[in-house]
Amino acid sequence: MVSDVHGNARDLARAGDGADALICLGDLVLFLDYADHSRGIFPDLFGVENADRIVELRTARRFEEARELGARLWGGVGGDRAALIEQAVRRQYGEMFPAFPTPTYATYGNVDMPQLWPEFAGPGTTVLDGERAEIGGRVFGFVGGGLRTPMRTPYEISDEEYAAKIEAVGEVDVLCTHIPPEVPELVYDTVARRFERGSRALLDAIRRTRPRYSLFGHVHQPLVRRMRIGATECVNVGHFAGSGRPFALEW
């Protein structure tokens, strides 16, 4: 199982070795690597110095200044912004999806563009969002995307829409989401030094339906990677872009 792949196609190609299936919890796209500011769509378009500056502003939670910088940079680029981003994302998806082994079960992250996935997902990749699948005799539920934030990443949805997808999944053995439940220890990123958005609806569903596992990513350097909520083992499966190592779920 992997999450937050962010352009790491090389290790993704080996992530399913020895497993019955690969599960991907999203964020295939790399817009900006906070560890290496030379990597991603943003520095490709605007250079490393501007990437350094926007990371500095975002880390300091100066989101309005970061948006103003972004607006100035985009204003100096010829062509349509949405078209340029889509073109760059298509190039990355063209590398990422062929790296998925068969079978793969995948859901979207907050930086993904769901409308493009049908074009790139091969017959061995099952895409699920607000849906269930039986894998190895266990029922897995999948909910993709993130909640709305000042970062305004591509696939952020309202709390109500997210809660509806959680409700649609219902009772499962393994609940797979991109974002974590709203627990301070699980949503705080120790390097970015900020709380990411977790889901209260997800936390409520864990307490109510008691899945065996709640698996997620999104927070790259969490204060706590693993904790129990009642009968449920909650696990951040890791920042795959940084580690290159999948999380193995065995039973």
Protein backbone atom coordinates (compact mmCIF):
# COMPACT_ATOMS: atom_id res chain seq x y z
CA MET A 1 0.00 0.00 0.00
CA VAL A 2 1.28 3.46 -0.92
CA SER A 3 0.20 7.07 -0.62
CA ASP A 4 1.64 10.44 -1.60
CA VAL A 5 3.61 9.03 -4.52
CA HIS A 6 4.32 12.51 -5.91
CA GLY A 7 6.14 11.50 -9.07
CA ASN A 8 8.10 8.50 -7.73
CA ALA A 9 7.38 6.20 -10.68
CA ARG A 10 10.67 4.30 -10.26
CA ASP A 11 9.83 2.88 -6.83
CA LEU A 12 6.13 2.58 -7.66
CA ALA A 13 6.96 -0.02 -10.31
CA ARG A 14 8.33 -2.30 -7.55
CA ALA A 15 5.87 -1.43 -4.80
CA GLY A 16 3.59 -4.39 -5.45
CA ASP A 17 6.32 -7.04 -5.57
CA GLY A 18 5.23 -10.11 -3.60
CA ALA A 19 1.79 -8.69 -2.78
CA ASP A 20 -1.63 -9.93 -3.84
CA ALA A 21 -2.57 -6.38 -4.83
CA LEU A 22 -1.32 -2.82 -4.64
CA ILE A 23 -3.48 -0.16 -3.01
CA CYS A 24 -2.74 3.49 -3.77
CA LEU A 25 -4.26 6.25 -1.63
CA GLY A 26 -3.54 9.06 -4.05
CA ASP A 27 -1.41 12.13 -4.70
CA LEU A 28 0.37 10.88 -7.80
CA VAL A 29 1.07 14.41 -9.02
CA LEU A 30 4.13 16.41 -7.95
CA PHE A 31 3.44 20.16 -8.04
CA LEU A 32 6.26 21.13 -5.70
CA ASP A 33 8.67 19.03 -3.65
CA TYR A 34 9.09 20.71 -0.26
CA ALA A 35 12.32 18.75 0.32
CA ASP A 36 13.82 19.45 -3.12
CA HIS A 37 12.46 22.68 -4.57
CA SER A 38 13.88 21.89 -8.01
CA ARG A 39 11.33 19.11 -8.58
CA GLY A 40 7.75 19.47 -9.76
CA ILE A 41 5.45 21.45 -12.01
CA PHE A 42 5.96 24.76 -10.18
CA PRO A 43 9.78 24.99 -10.51
CA ASP A 44 9.58 23.71 -14.09
CA LEU A 45 7.43 26.71 -14.92
CA PHE A 46 8.84 29.41 -12.63
CA GLY A 47 12.32 28.35 -11.51
CA VAL A 48 13.83 27.20 -8.23
CA GLU A 49 14.18 30.67 -6.66
CA ASN A 50 10.44 31.26 -6.91
CA ALA A 51 9.84 27.75 -5.59
CA ASP A 52 12.06 28.57 -2.59
CA ARG A 53 10.06 31.73 -1.94
CA ILE A 54 6.61 30.16 -2.18
CA VAL A 55 7.62 27.29 0.13
CA GLU A 56 8.90 29.88 2.62
CA LEU A 57 5.60 31.77 2.51
CA ARG A 58 3.42 28.68 2.79
CA THR A 59 5.47 27.23 5.64
CA ALA A 60 5.03 30.52 7.48
CA ARG A 61 1.27 30.25 6.77
CA ARG A 62 1.41 33.50 4.82
CA PHE A 63 -1.07 32.09 2.33
CA GLU A 64 -2.32 35.42 0.99
CA GLU A 65 1.23 36.49 0.09
CA ALA A 66 1.83 33.09 -1.49
CA ARG A 67 -1.30 33.51 -3.62
CA GLU A 68 -0.21 37.00 -4.65
CA LEU A 69 3.21 35.68 -5.69
CA GLY A 70 1.56 32.87 -7.63
CA ALA A 71 -0.78 35.31 -9.38
CA ARG A 72 2.17 37.51 -10.44
CA LEU A 73 4.08 34.52 -11.76
CA TRP A 74 1.10 33.16 -13.68
CA GLY A 75 0.45 36.62 -15.07
CA GLY A 76 3.84 36.49 -16.75
CA VAL A 77 3.25 33.14 -18.43
CA GLY A 78 1.75 33.04 -21.89
CA GLY A 79 -1.16 30.70 -22.47
CA ASP A 80 -4.02 29.41 -20.39
CA ARG A 81 -3.12 28.48 -16.80
CA ALA A 82 -5.49 25.51 -16.56
CA ALA A 83 -4.29 24.15 -19.89
CA LEU A 84 -0.62 24.42 -18.85
CA ILE A 85 -1.26 22.60 -15.58
CA GLU A 86 -3.29 19.90 -17.28
CA GLN A 87 -0.55 19.38 -19.85
CA ALA A 88 2.04 18.94 -17.08
CA VAL A 89 -0.20 16.60 -15.10
CA ARG A 90 -0.81 14.51 -18.21
CA ARG A 91 2.94 14.08 -18.62
CA GLN A 92 3.25 12.86 -15.04
CA TYR A 93 0.25 10.54 -15.28
CA GLY A 94 1.76 9.12 -18.46
CA GLU A 95 4.66 7.92 -16.32
CA MET A 96 2.80 6.99 -13.16
CA PHE A 97 -0.13 4.85 -14.32
CA PRO A 98 1.95 2.42 -16.42
CA ALA A 99 3.98 1.72 -13.25
CA PHE A 100 0.93 0.28 -11.45
CA PRO A 101 0.99 -3.53 -11.25
CA THR A 102 -2.08 -5.70 -11.82
CA PRO A 103 -4.20 -5.61 -9.77
CA THR A 104 -4.12 -2.10 -8.33
CA TYR A 105 -6.91 -0.42 -6.37
CA ALA A 106 -6.57 3.35 -6.25
CA THR A 107 -8.30 6.47 -5.02
CA TYR A 108 -7.56 10.16 -5.52
CA GLY A 109 -5.44 12.48 -3.41
CA ASN A 110 -6.08 16.17 -2.96
CA VAL A 111 -3.51 17.16 -5.62
CA ASP A 112 -4.85 14.74 -8.23
CA MET A 113 -7.12 15.53 -11.16
CA PRO A 114 -9.85 12.85 -11.14
CA GLN A 115 -11.23 13.86 -14.53
CA LEU A 116 -8.03 12.60 -16.18
CA TRP A 117 -7.84 9.21 -14.48
CA PRO A 118 -10.17 7.31 -16.85
CA GLU A 119 -7.85 8.24 -19.69
CA PHE A 120 -4.75 6.79 -18.00
CA ALA A 121 -5.94 3.95 -15.75
CA GLY A 122 -5.38 0.62 -17.47
CA PRO A 123 -7.62 -2.46 -17.18
CA GLY A 124 -5.62 -3.72 -14.19
CA THR A 125 -6.31 -0.57 -12.14
CA THR A 126 -9.63 -0.20 -10.33
CA VAL A 127 -10.42 3.38 -9.29
CA LEU A 128 -12.77 3.76 -6.32
CA ASP A 129 -14.14 6.81 -4.50
CA GLY A 130 -17.01 6.41 -2.06
CA GLU A 131 -17.08 2.74 -3.05
CA ARG A 132 -16.21 -0.73 -1.74
CA ALA A 133 -14.24 -3.70 -3.05
CA GLU A 134 -13.47 -7.17 -1.76
CA ILE A 135 -9.73 -7.84 -1.67
CA GLY A 136 -8.33 -11.07 -0.25
CA GLY A 137 -11.58 -11.91 1.48
CA ARG A 138 -11.84 -8.54 3.27
CA VAL A 139 -14.14 -5.62 2.44
CA PHE A 140 -12.26 -2.40 1.71
CA GLY A 141 -13.87 1.03 1.47
CA PHE A 142 -12.26 3.89 -0.44
CA VAL A 143 -12.76 7.65 -0.10
CA GLY A 144 -10.50 9.99 -2.04
CA GLY A 145 -9.69 13.68 -2.09
CA GLY A 146 -9.16 16.26 0.62
CA LEU A 147 -11.15 18.95 2.39
CA ARG A 148 -11.00 22.63 1.47
CA THR A 149 -7.95 24.55 2.66
CA PRO A 150 -6.18 27.86 1.95
CA MET A 151 -3.80 25.86 -0.29
CA ARG A 152 -6.62 25.34 -2.83
CA THR A 153 -5.26 22.10 -4.26
CA PRO A 154 -7.10 20.57 -7.24
CA TYR A 155 -9.30 17.97 -5.55
CA GLU A 156 -10.63 19.58 -2.39
CA ILE A 157 -14.31 19.11 -1.64
CA SER A 158 -16.77 20.32 0.98
CA ASP A 159 -17.14 18.64 4.35
CA GLU A 160 -20.68 17.65 3.37
CA GLU A 161 -19.63 15.96 0.13
CA TYR A 162 -16.82 14.14 1.90
CA ALA A 163 -19.15 12.97 4.68
CA ALA A 164 -21.59 11.64 2.08
CA LYS A 165 -18.85 9.48 0.55
CA ILE A 166 -17.91 8.14 3.98
CA GLU A 167 -21.57 7.31 4.56
CA ALA A 168 -21.84 5.58 1.17
CA VAL A 169 -18.96 3.25 2.04
CA GLY A 170 -20.65 2.05 5.24
CA GLU A 171 -19.26 -0.75 7.39
CA VAL A 172 -16.03 -2.27 6.07
CA ASP A 173 -13.06 -4.24 7.36
CA VAL A 174 -10.52 -1.73 6.05
CA LEU A 175 -11.31 1.95 5.52
CA CYS A 176 -8.90 3.53 3.01
CA THR A 177 -8.79 7.31 2.64
CA HIS A 178 -6.30 9.90 1.47
CA ILE A 179 -6.66 12.17 4.48
CA PRO A 180 -6.57 11.04 8.13
CA PRO A 181 -9.30 11.25 10.75
CA GLU A 182 -9.34 14.56 12.61
CA VAL A 183 -7.04 13.65 15.49
CA PRO A 184 -4.34 16.22 16.41
CA GLU A 185 -1.53 13.67 16.61
CA LEU A 186 -2.39 12.28 13.17
CA VAL A 187 -2.85 15.58 11.31
CA TYR A 188 0.15 17.58 12.61
CA ASP A 189 3.12 17.69 10.22
CA THR A 190 6.31 18.06 12.25
CA VAL A 191 8.40 19.42 9.36
CA ALA A 192 5.85 21.79 7.80
CA ARG A 193 4.94 22.75 11.40
CA ARG A 194 1.23 22.95 10.77
CA PHE A 195 -1.98 21.00 11.20
CA GLU A 196 -3.28 19.53 7.95
CA ARG A 197 -7.01 19.01 7.53
CA GLY A 198 -8.38 15.72 8.73
CA SER A 199 -11.96 14.56 8.55
CA ARG A 200 -14.36 14.65 11.48
CA ALA A 201 -16.82 12.52 9.49
CA LEU A 202 -14.11 9.90 9.07
CA LEU A 203 -13.36 9.94 12.81
CA ASP A 204 -17.06 9.57 13.61
CA ALA A 205 -17.36 6.65 11.16
CA ILE A 206 -14.37 4.90 12.75
CA ARG A 207 -15.95 5.18 16.18
CA ARG A 208 -19.37 4.10 14.90
CA THR A 209 -18.52 1.26 12.48
CA ARG A 210 -15.26 0.02 14.09
CA PRO A 211 -13.31 -1.13 11.01
CA ARG A 212 -10.29 -3.30 11.72
CA TYR A 213 -8.02 -0.75 10.03
CA SER A 214 -8.18 2.90 8.99
CA LEU A 215 -5.41 3.54 6.46
CA PHE A 216 -4.46 6.94 5.04
CA GLY A 217 -1.61 9.26 4.00
CA HIS A 218 -1.58 13.00 3.22
CA VAL A 219 0.47 14.10 6.26
CA HIS A 220 4.06 13.55 5.18
CA GLN A 221 5.80 13.76 8.58
CA PRO A 222 3.08 13.12 11.17
CA LEU A 223 3.59 13.52 14.89
CA VAL A 224 2.19 10.00 15.27
CA ARG A 225 2.07 7.45 12.46
CA ARG A 226 -0.01 4.84 14.22
CA MET A 227 -2.60 4.81 17.00
CA ARG A 228 -5.73 2.98 18.07
CA ILE A 229 -9.18 4.53 18.13
CA GLY A 230 -11.31 2.03 20.00
CA ALA A 231 -11.10 -1.25 18.09
CA THR A 232 -9.53 0.35 15.00
CA GLU A 233 -5.84 0.47 14.17
CA CYS A 234 -5.21 3.82 12.43
CA VAL A 235 -2.08 3.88 10.27
CA ASN A 236 -0.44 6.55 8.13
CA VAL A 237 0.98 4.31 5.39
CA GLY A 238 3.86 6.71 4.73
CA HIS A 239 5.20 9.36 2.38
CA PHE A 240 6.08 7.09 -0.55
CA ALA A 241 7.75 9.87 -2.54
CA GLY A 242 10.32 10.22 0.22
CA SER A 243 10.75 6.65 1.42
CA GLY A 244 10.10 4.57 -1.70
CA ARG A 245 8.79 1.85 0.65
CA PRO A 246 5.22 0.51 0.63
CA PHE A 247 3.26 -0.36 3.74
CA ALA A 248 2.43 -4.08 3.90
CA LEU A 249 -0.96 -5.08 5.26
CA GLU A 250 -1.06 -8.74 6.20
CA TRP A 251 -3.68 -11.03 7.77
